[in-house]
Amino acid sequence: MKMLAVVPVLLFVSVSARAQGPKPCEELKAEIAQKLEAKNVKSYSLEIVPKDQEVTDGKVVGTCGGGTKKIIYRRTSTPPPAPSPAPPATKP
């Protein structure tokens, strides 16, 4: 009887996870960059490429676009460009 109660819950969880759909590539890339920076990784690049492109230098760290693209992590000798700060607000 307990098994009958568990099955609908598991089905609901799996359906709701799929309903969210694929994550946009730029959003996933930003999340990965944020995790790398939180781990104090300084010199890297992240690149979004088609899933069919062969990766010879780097590591696939994510897929996006419904599985049509992948995100490649590469170590570099220079840190990635820092986001530019917002311009100061001017008073009229």
PDB file of N, CA and C in Angstrom:
ATOM      1  N   MET A   1       0.820  -1.195   0.000  1.00  0.00           N
ATOM      2  CA  MET A   1       0.000   0.000   0.000  1.00  0.00           C
ATOM      3  C   MET A   1       0.865   1.261   0.000  1.00  0.00           C
ATOM      4  N   LYS A   2       1.952   1.233   0.771  1.00  0.00           N
ATOM      5  CA  LYS A   2       2.851   2.390   0.794  1.00  0.00           C
ATOM      6  C   LYS A   2       3.442   2.637  -0.585  1.00  0.00           C
ATOM      7  N   MET A   3       3.708   1.551  -1.323  1.00  0.00           N
ATOM      8  CA  MET A   3       4.294   1.688  -2.657  1.00  0.00           C
ATOM      9  C   MET A   3       3.350   2.444  -3.583  1.00  0.00           C
ATOM     10  N   LEU A   4       2.065   2.212  -3.444  1.00  0.00           N
ATOM     11  CA  LEU A   4       1.091   2.911  -4.279  1.00  0.00           C
ATOM     12  C   LEU A   4       1.073   4.406  -3.979  1.00  0.00           C
ATOM     13  N   ALA A   5       1.386   4.797  -2.783  1.00  0.00           N
ATOM     14  CA  ALA A   5       1.427   6.211  -2.423  1.00  0.00           C
ATOM     15  C   ALA A   5       2.714   6.863  -2.909  1.00  0.00           C
ATOM     16  N   VAL A   6       3.782   6.117  -2.994  1.00  0.00           N
ATOM     17  CA  VAL A   6       5.078   6.659  -3.403  1.00  0.00           C
ATOM     18  C   VAL A   6       5.141   6.886  -4.911  1.00  0.00           C
ATOM     19  N   VAL A   7       4.558   6.003  -5.691  1.00  0.00           N
ATOM     20  CA  VAL A   7       4.642   6.092  -7.152  1.00  0.00           C
ATOM     21  C   VAL A   7       4.102   7.417  -7.689  1.00  0.00           C
ATOM     22  N   PRO A   8       2.916   7.890  -7.292  1.00  0.00           N
ATOM     23  CA  PRO A   8       2.446   9.183  -7.814  1.00  0.00           C
ATOM     24  C   PRO A   8       3.367  10.346  -7.442  1.00  0.00           C
ATOM     25  N   VAL A   9       3.939  10.296  -6.258  1.00  0.00           N
ATOM     26  CA  VAL A   9       4.855  11.362  -5.833  1.00  0.00           C
ATOM     27  C   VAL A   9       6.081  11.382  -6.736  1.00  0.00           C
ATOM     28  N   LEU A  10       6.660  10.233  -7.008  1.00  0.00           N
ATOM     29  CA  LEU A  10       7.834  10.163  -7.878  1.00  0.00           C
ATOM     30  C   LEU A  10       7.502  10.625  -9.291  1.00  0.00           C
ATOM     31  N   LEU A  11       6.337  10.249  -9.792  1.00  0.00           N
ATOM     32  CA  LEU A  11       5.936  10.689 -11.133  1.00  0.00           C
ATOM     33  C   LEU A  11       5.769  12.205 -11.179  1.00  0.00           C
ATOM     34  N   PHE A  12       5.169  12.775 -10.139  1.00  0.00           N
ATOM     35  CA  PHE A  12       4.985  14.221 -10.096  1.00  0.00           C
ATOM     36  C   PHE A  12       6.323  14.945 -10.081  1.00  0.00           C
ATOM     37  N   VAL A  13       7.264  14.461  -9.297  1.00  0.00           N
ATOM     38  CA  VAL A  13       8.583  15.093  -9.202  1.00  0.00           C
ATOM     39  C   VAL A  13       9.289  15.039 -10.553  1.00  0.00           C
ATOM     40  N   SER A  14       9.262  13.907 -11.228  1.00  0.00           N
ATOM     41  CA  SER A  14       9.964  13.797 -12.503  1.00  0.00           C
ATOM     42  C   SER A  14       9.302  14.646 -13.578  1.00  0.00           C
ATOM     43  N   VAL A  15       7.982  14.744 -13.578  1.00  0.00           N
ATOM     44  CA  VAL A  15       7.278  15.568 -14.566  1.00  0.00           C
ATOM     45  C   VAL A  15       7.541  17.040 -14.309  1.00  0.00           C
ATOM     46  N   SER A  16       7.530  17.470 -13.059  1.00  0.00           N
ATOM     47  CA  SER A  16       7.760  18.881 -12.766  1.00  0.00           C
ATOM     48  C   SER A  16       9.197  19.284 -13.088  1.00  0.00           C
ATOM     49  N   ALA A  17      10.141  18.381 -12.947  1.00  0.00           N
ATOM     50  CA  ALA A  17      11.529  18.694 -13.297  1.00  0.00           C
ATOM     51  C   ALA A  17      11.662  18.898 -14.795  1.00  0.00           C
ATOM     52  N   ARG A  18      10.977  18.098 -15.584  1.00  0.00           N
ATOM     53  CA  ARG A  18      11.023  18.256 -17.045  1.00  0.00           C
ATOM     54  C   ARG A  18      10.271  19.490 -17.510  1.00  0.00           C
ATOM     55  N   ALA A  19       9.259  19.900 -16.781  1.00  0.00           N
ATOM     56  CA  ALA A  19       8.449  21.049 -17.171  1.00  0.00           C
ATOM     57  C   ALA A  19       9.248  22.344 -17.146  1.00  0.00           C
ATOM     58  N   GLN A  20      10.339  22.360 -16.393  1.00  0.00           N
ATOM     59  CA  GLN A  20      11.168  23.561 -16.336  1.00  0.00           C
ATOM     60  C   GLN A  20      11.884  23.804 -17.650  1.00  0.00           C
ATOM     61  N   GLY A  21      12.090  22.788 -18.439  1.00  0.00           N
ATOM     62  CA  GLY A  21      12.710  22.922 -19.748  1.00  0.00           C
ATOM     63  C   GLY A  21      14.215  23.101 -19.659  1.00  0.00           C
ATOM     64  N   PRO A  22      14.846  23.181 -20.840  1.00  0.00           N
ATOM     65  CA  PRO A  22      16.300  23.340 -20.865  1.00  0.00           C
ATOM     66  C   PRO A  22      16.711  24.733 -20.396  1.00  0.00           C
ATOM     67  N   LYS A  23      17.859  24.789 -19.780  1.00  0.00           N
ATOM     68  CA  LYS A  23      18.379  26.060 -19.275  1.00  0.00           C
ATOM     69  C   LYS A  23      19.056  26.823 -20.418  1.00  0.00           C
ATOM     70  N   PRO A  24      18.812  28.134 -20.529  1.00  0.00           N
ATOM     71  CA  PRO A  24      19.499  28.929 -21.550  1.00  0.00           C
ATOM     72  C   PRO A  24      21.017  28.877 -21.345  1.00  0.00           C
ATOM     73  N   CYS A  25      21.750  28.852 -22.446  1.00  0.00           N
ATOM     74  CA  CYS A  25      23.203  28.683 -22.385  1.00  0.00           C
ATOM     75  C   CYS A  25      23.897  29.801 -21.611  1.00  0.00           C
ATOM     76  N   GLU A  26      23.515  31.034 -21.858  1.00  0.00           N
ATOM     77  CA  GLU A  26      24.182  32.148 -21.176  1.00  0.00           C
ATOM     78  C   GLU A  26      23.933  32.100 -19.669  1.00  0.00           C
ATOM     79  N   GLU A  27      22.749  31.683 -19.272  1.00  0.00           N
ATOM     80  CA  GLU A  27      22.430  31.570 -17.850  1.00  0.00           C
ATOM     81  C   GLU A  27      23.277  30.490 -17.184  1.00  0.00           C
ATOM     82  N   LEU A  28      23.398  29.351 -17.840  1.00  0.00           N
ATOM     83  CA  LEU A  28      24.206  28.261 -17.295  1.00  0.00           C
ATOM     84  C   LEU A  28      25.682  28.658 -17.248  1.00  0.00           C
ATOM     85  N   LYS A  29      26.150  29.326 -18.292  1.00  0.00           N
ATOM     86  CA  LYS A  29      27.545  29.775 -18.334  1.00  0.00           C
ATOM     87  C   LYS A  29      27.827  30.734 -17.173  1.00  0.00           C
ATOM     88  N   ALA A  30      26.890  31.627 -16.887  1.00  0.00           N
ATOM     89  CA  ALA A  30      27.059  32.574 -15.773  1.00  0.00           C
ATOM     90  C   ALA A  30      27.090  31.838 -14.434  1.00  0.00           C
ATOM     91  N   GLU A  31      26.252  30.816 -14.282  1.00  0.00           N
ATOM     92  CA  GLU A  31      26.251  30.040 -13.041  1.00  0.00           C
ATOM     93  C   GLU A  31      27.572  29.298 -12.850  1.00  0.00           C
ATOM     94  N   ILE A  32      28.094  28.729 -13.926  1.00  0.00           N
ATOM     95  CA  ILE A  32      29.373  28.014 -13.847  1.00  0.00           C
ATOM     96  C   ILE A  32      30.493  28.989 -13.501  1.00  0.00           C
ATOM     97  N   ALA A  33      30.493  30.159 -14.134  1.00  0.00           N
ATOM     98  CA  ALA A  33      31.514  31.173 -13.847  1.00  0.00           C
ATOM     99  C   ALA A  33      31.451  31.601 -12.390  1.00  0.00           C
ATOM    100  N   GLN A  34      30.239  31.751 -11.875  1.00  0.00           N
ATOM    101  CA  GLN A  34      30.078  32.154 -10.478  1.00  0.00           C
ATOM    102  C   GLN A  34      30.648  31.088  -9.537  1.00  0.00           C
ATOM    103  N   LYS A  35      30.421  29.825  -9.850  1.00  0.00           N
ATOM    104  CA  LYS A  35      30.960  28.740  -9.022  1.00  0.00           C
ATOM    105  C   LYS A  35      32.483  28.709  -9.083  1.00  0.00           C
ATOM    106  N   LEU A  36      33.044  28.936 -10.270  1.00  0.00           N
ATOM    107  CA  LEU A  36      34.504  28.948 -10.411  1.00  0.00           C
ATOM    108  C   LEU A  36      35.112  30.093  -9.602  1.00  0.00           C
ATOM    109  N   GLU A  37      34.489  31.269  -9.679  1.00  0.00           N
ATOM    110  CA  GLU A  37      35.002  32.427  -8.945  1.00  0.00           C
ATOM    111  C   GLU A  37      34.868  32.217  -7.430  1.00  0.00           C
ATOM    112  N   ALA A  38      33.810  31.519  -7.001  1.00  0.00           N
ATOM    113  CA  ALA A  38      33.648  31.229  -5.574  1.00  0.00           C
ATOM    114  C   ALA A  38      34.753  30.298  -5.073  1.00  0.00           C
ATOM    115  N   LYS A  39      35.291  29.482  -5.982  1.00  0.00           N
ATOM    116  CA  LYS A  39      36.399  28.582  -5.627  1.00  0.00           C
ATOM    117  C   LYS A  39      37.748  29.242  -5.872  1.00  0.00           C
ATOM    118  N   ASN A  40      37.728  30.551  -6.155  1.00  0.00           N
ATOM    119  CA  ASN A  40      38.930  31.357  -6.348  1.00  0.00           C
ATOM    120  C   ASN A  40      39.730  30.944  -7.584  1.00  0.00           C
ATOM    121  N   VAL A  41      39.049  30.441  -8.605  1.00  0.00           N
ATOM    122  CA  VAL A  41      39.700  30.129  -9.880  1.00  0.00           C
ATOM    123  C   VAL A  41      39.828  31.441 -10.637  1.00  0.00           C
ATOM    124  N   LYS A  42      41.030  31.771 -11.086  1.00  0.00           N
ATOM    125  CA  LYS A  42      41.275  33.071 -11.700  1.00  0.00           C
ATOM    126  C   LYS A  42      41.452  33.016 -13.214  1.00  0.00           C
ATOM    127  N   SER A  43      42.234  32.106 -13.709  1.00  0.00           N
ATOM    128  CA  SER A  43      42.585  32.097 -15.124  1.00  0.00           C
ATOM    129  C   SER A  43      41.847  30.978 -15.855  1.00  0.00           C
ATOM    130  N   TYR A  44      40.740  31.339 -16.510  1.00  0.00           N
ATOM    131  CA  TYR A  44      39.947  30.350 -17.229  1.00  0.00           C
ATOM    132  C   TYR A  44      39.134  31.032 -18.311  1.00  0.00           C
ATOM    133  N   SER A  45      38.592  30.232 -19.199  1.00  0.00           N
ATOM    134  CA  SER A  45      37.619  30.725 -20.162  1.00  0.00           C
ATOM    135  C   SER A  45      36.510  29.696 -20.288  1.00  0.00           C
ATOM    136  N   LEU A  46      35.315  30.170 -20.529  1.00  0.00           N
ATOM    137  CA  LEU A  46      34.167  29.314 -20.785  1.00  0.00           C
ATOM    138  C   LEU A  46      33.655  29.652 -22.173  1.00  0.00           C
ATOM    139  N   GLU A  47      33.420  28.628 -22.967  1.00  0.00           N
ATOM    140  CA  GLU A  47      32.983  28.845 -24.344  1.00  0.00           C
ATOM    141  C   GLU A  47      31.801  27.933 -24.647  1.00  0.00           C
ATOM    142  N   ILE A  48      30.789  28.496 -25.298  1.00  0.00           N
ATOM    143  CA  ILE A  48      29.627  27.726 -25.726  1.00  0.00           C
ATOM    144  C   ILE A  48      29.865  27.288 -27.167  1.00  0.00           C
ATOM    145  N   VAL A  49      29.804  25.980 -27.410  1.00  0.00           N
ATOM    146  CA  VAL A  49      30.062  25.426 -28.745  1.00  0.00           C
ATOM    147  C   VAL A  49      28.963  24.424 -29.100  1.00  0.00           C
ATOM    148  N   PRO A  50      28.789  24.117 -30.397  1.00  0.00           N
ATOM    149  CA  PRO A  50      27.830  23.084 -30.782  1.00  0.00           C
ATOM    150  C   PRO A  50      28.224  21.737 -30.187  1.00  0.00           C
ATOM    151  N   LYS A  51      27.233  20.901 -29.900  1.00  0.00           N
ATOM    152  CA  LYS A  51      27.529  19.622 -29.240  1.00  0.00           C
ATOM    153  C   LYS A  51      28.373  18.709 -30.112  1.00  0.00           C
ATOM    154  N   ASP A  52      28.338  18.901 -31.425  1.00  0.00           N
ATOM    155  CA  ASP A  52      29.091  18.042 -32.331  1.00  0.00           C
ATOM    156  C   ASP A  52      30.560  18.432 -32.440  1.00  0.00           C
ATOM    157  N   GLN A  53      30.917  19.622 -31.976  1.00  0.00           N
ATOM    158  CA  GLN A  53      32.303  20.077 -32.079  1.00  0.00           C
ATOM    159  C   GLN A  53      33.188  19.246 -31.157  1.00  0.00           C
ATOM    160  N   GLU A  54      34.287  18.768 -31.703  1.00  0.00           N
ATOM    161  CA  GLU A  54      35.218  17.958 -30.923  1.00  0.00           C
ATOM    162  C   GLU A  54      36.032  18.859 -29.999  1.00  0.00           C
ATOM    163  N   VAL A  55      36.222  18.406 -28.766  1.00  0.00           N
ATOM    164  CA  VAL A  55      36.979  19.167 -27.768  1.00  0.00           C
ATOM    165  C   VAL A  55      38.328  18.498 -27.589  1.00  0.00           C
ATOM    166  N   THR A  56      39.391  19.211 -27.983  1.00  0.00           N
ATOM    167  CA  THR A  56      40.731  18.652 -27.840  1.00  0.00           C
ATOM    168  C   THR A  56      41.481  19.286 -26.677  1.00  0.00           C
ATOM    169  N   ASP A  57      41.212  20.545 -26.409  1.00  0.00           N
ATOM    170  CA  ASP A  57      41.869  21.222 -25.284  1.00  0.00           C
ATOM    171  C   ASP A  57      40.780  21.849 -24.420  1.00  0.00           C
ATOM    172  N   GLY A  58      40.547  21.266 -23.301  1.00  0.00           N
ATOM    173  CA  GLY A  58      39.515  21.772 -22.407  1.00  0.00           C
ATOM    174  C   GLY A  58      38.650  20.631 -21.921  1.00  0.00           C
ATOM    175  N   LYS A  59      37.651  21.006 -21.141  1.00  0.00           N
ATOM    176  CA  LYS A  59      36.788  20.013 -20.528  1.00  0.00           C
ATOM    177  C   LYS A  59      35.340  20.476 -20.664  1.00  0.00           C
ATOM    178  N   VAL A  60      34.447  19.573 -21.023  1.00  0.00           N
ATOM    179  CA  VAL A  60      33.028  19.890 -21.091  1.00  0.00           C
ATOM    180  C   VAL A  60      32.503  19.963 -19.659  1.00  0.00           C
ATOM    181  N   VAL A  61      31.948  21.122 -19.280  1.00  0.00           N
ATOM    182  CA  VAL A  61      31.467  21.315 -17.915  1.00  0.00           C
ATOM    183  C   VAL A  61      29.955  21.502 -17.854  1.00  0.00           C
ATOM    184  N   GLY A  62      29.289  21.472 -19.004  1.00  0.00           N
ATOM    185  CA  GLY A  62      27.836  21.601 -19.001  1.00  0.00           C
ATOM    186  C   GLY A  62      27.273  21.475 -20.398  1.00  0.00           C
ATOM    187  N   THR A  63      25.992  21.166 -20.461  1.00  0.00           N
ATOM    188  CA  THR A  63      25.269  21.149 -21.733  1.00  0.00           C
ATOM    189  C   THR A  63      24.060  22.053 -21.593  1.00  0.00           C
ATOM    190  N   CYS A  64      23.636  22.636 -22.704  1.00  0.00           N
ATOM    191  CA  CYS A  64      22.518  23.568 -22.667  1.00  0.00           C
ATOM    192  C   CYS A  64      21.815  23.554 -24.019  1.00  0.00           C
ATOM    193  N   GLY A  65      20.803  24.391 -24.136  1.00  0.00           N
ATOM    194  CA  GLY A  65      20.082  24.468 -25.393  1.00  0.00           C
ATOM    195  C   GLY A  65      19.376  23.166 -25.730  1.00  0.00           C
ATOM    196  N   GLY A  66      18.879  22.489 -24.718  1.00  0.00           N
ATOM    197  CA  GLY A  66      18.203  21.228 -24.951  1.00  0.00           C
ATOM    198  C   GLY A  66      19.127  20.142 -25.467  1.00  0.00           C
ATOM    199  N   GLY A  67      20.404  20.234 -25.097  1.00  0.00           N
ATOM    200  CA  GLY A  67      21.375  19.229 -25.517  1.00  0.00           C
ATOM    201  C   GLY A  67      22.013  19.524 -26.857  1.00  0.00           C
ATOM    202  N   THR A  68      21.757  20.709 -27.423  1.00  0.00           N
ATOM    203  CA  THR A  68      22.329  21.054 -28.727  1.00  0.00           C
ATOM    204  C   THR A  68      23.685  21.733 -28.620  1.00  0.00           C
ATOM    205  N   LYS A  69      24.023  22.217 -27.424  1.00  0.00           N
ATOM    206  CA  LYS A  69      25.299  22.912 -27.222  1.00  0.00           C
ATOM    207  C   LYS A  69      25.950  22.409 -25.951  1.00  0.00           C
ATOM    208  N   LYS A  70      27.257  22.700 -25.831  1.00  0.00           N
ATOM    209  CA  LYS A  70      27.985  22.342 -24.619  1.00  0.00           C
ATOM    210  C   LYS A  70      28.875  23.508 -24.212  1.00  0.00           C
ATOM    211  N   ILE A  71      29.251  23.533 -22.947  1.00  0.00           N
ATOM    212  CA  ILE A  71      30.098  24.603 -22.410  1.00  0.00           C
ATOM    213  C   ILE A  71      31.450  23.996 -22.096  1.00  0.00           C
ATOM    214  N   ILE A  72      32.485  24.619 -22.653  1.00  0.00           N
ATOM    215  CA  ILE A  72      33.858  24.138 -22.520  1.00  0.00           C
ATOM    216  C   ILE A  72      34.617  25.036 -21.547  1.00  0.00           C
ATOM    217  N   TYR A  73      35.318  24.405 -20.593  1.00  0.00           N
ATOM    218  CA  TYR A  73      36.183  25.105 -19.637  1.00  0.00           C
ATOM    219  C   TYR A  73      37.619  24.916 -20.097  1.00  0.00           C
ATOM    220  N   ARG A  74      38.354  26.022 -20.166  1.00  0.00           N
ATOM    221  CA  ARG A  74      39.782  25.965 -20.500  1.00  0.00           C
ATOM    222  C   ARG A  74      40.551  26.830 -19.514  1.00  0.00           C
ATOM    223  N   ARG A  75      41.723  26.334 -19.113  1.00  0.00           N
ATOM    224  CA  ARG A  75      42.619  27.156 -18.296  1.00  0.00           C
ATOM    225  C   ARG A  75      43.331  28.131 -19.218  1.00  0.00           C
ATOM    226  N   THR A  76      43.541  29.339 -18.733  1.00  0.00           N
ATOM    227  CA  THR A  76      44.261  30.357 -19.509  1.00  0.00           C
ATOM    228  C   THR A  76      45.364  30.951 -18.652  1.00  0.00           C
ATOM    229  N   SER A  77      46.211  31.736 -19.296  1.00  0.00           N
ATOM    230  CA  SER A  77      47.301  32.362 -18.555  1.00  0.00           C
ATOM    231  C   SER A  77      46.896  33.716 -17.982  1.00  0.00           C
ATOM    232  N   THR A  78      45.776  34.248 -18.432  1.00  0.00           N
ATOM    233  CA  THR A  78      45.294  35.525 -17.918  1.00  0.00           C
ATOM    234  C   THR A  78      43.881  35.348 -17.388  1.00  0.00           C
ATOM    235  N   PRO A  79      43.530  36.091 -16.348  1.00  0.00           N
ATOM    236  CA  PRO A  79      42.181  35.973 -15.795  1.00  0.00           C
ATOM    237  C   PRO A  79      41.134  36.509 -16.771  1.00  0.00           C
ATOM    238  N   PRO A  80      39.888  36.061 -16.643  1.00  0.00           N
ATOM    239  CA  PRO A  80      38.833  36.567 -17.521  1.00  0.00           C
ATOM    240  C   PRO A  80      38.574  38.034 -17.227  1.00  0.00           C
ATOM    241  N   PRO A  81      38.039  38.772 -18.197  1.00  0.00           N
ATOM    242  CA  PRO A  81      37.773  40.187 -17.960  1.00  0.00           C
ATOM    243  C   PRO A  81      36.719  40.361 -16.869  1.00  0.00           C
ATOM    244  N   ALA A  82      36.974  41.309 -15.982  1.00  0.00           N
ATOM    245  CA  ALA A  82      36.029  41.594 -14.900  1.00  0.00           C
ATOM    246  C   ALA A  82      34.852  42.368 -15.466  1.00  0.00           C
ATOM    247  N   PRO A  83      33.667  42.147 -14.934  1.00  0.00           N
ATOM    248  CA  PRO A  83      32.525  42.925 -15.420  1.00  0.00           C
ATOM    249  C   PRO A  83      32.730  44.396 -15.103  1.00  0.00           C
ATOM    250  N   SER A  84      32.354  45.247 -16.037  1.00  0.00           N
ATOM    251  CA  SER A  84      32.558  46.674 -15.833  1.00  0.00           C
ATOM    252  C   SER A  84      31.576  47.194 -14.793  1.00  0.00           C
ATOM    253  N   PRO A  85      32.062  48.040 -13.887  1.00  0.00           N
ATOM    254  CA  PRO A  85      31.170  48.572 -12.853  1.00  0.00           C
ATOM    255  C   PRO A  85      30.152  49.522 -13.470  1.00  0.00           C
ATOM    256  N   ALA A  86      29.014  49.652 -12.812  1.00  0.00           N
ATOM    257  CA  ALA A  86      27.976  50.549 -13.290  1.00  0.00           C
ATOM    258  C   ALA A  86      28.473  51.990 -13.174  1.00  0.00           C
ATOM    259  N   PRO A  87      28.134  52.810 -14.154  1.00  0.00           N
ATOM    260  CA  PRO A  87      28.572  54.216 -14.058  1.00  0.00           C
ATOM    261  C   PRO A  87      27.896  54.899 -12.864  1.00  0.00           C
ATOM    262  N   PRO A  88      28.601  55.831 -12.243  1.00  0.00           N
ATOM    263  CA  PRO A  88      28.031  56.513 -11.066  1.00  0.00           C
ATOM    264  C   PRO A  88      26.809  57.313 -11.463  1.00  0.00           C
ATOM    265  N   ALA A  89      25.843  57.334 -10.591  1.00  0.00           N
ATOM    266  CA  ALA A  89      24.617  58.093 -10.845  1.00  0.00           C
ATOM    267  C   ALA A  89      24.921  59.580 -10.730  1.00  0.00           C
ATOM    268  N   THR A  90      24.392  60.347 -11.647  1.00  0.00           N
ATOM    269  CA  THR A  90      24.595  61.794 -11.618  1.00  0.00           C
ATOM    270  C   THR A  90      23.315  62.459 -11.127  1.00  0.00           C
ATOM    271  N   LYS A  91      23.500  63.492 -10.364  1.00  0.00           N
ATOM    272  CA  LYS A  91      22.344  64.234  -9.844  1.00  0.00           C
ATOM    273  C   LYS A  91      22.033  65.360 -10.793  1.00  0.00           C
ATOM    274  N   PRO A  92      20.746  65.577 -11.096  1.00  0.00           N
ATOM    275  CA  PRO A  92      20.369  66.670 -12.016  1.00  0.00           C
ATOM    276  C   PRO A  92      20.587  68.041 -11.447  1.00  0.00           C
TER     277      PRO A  92
END
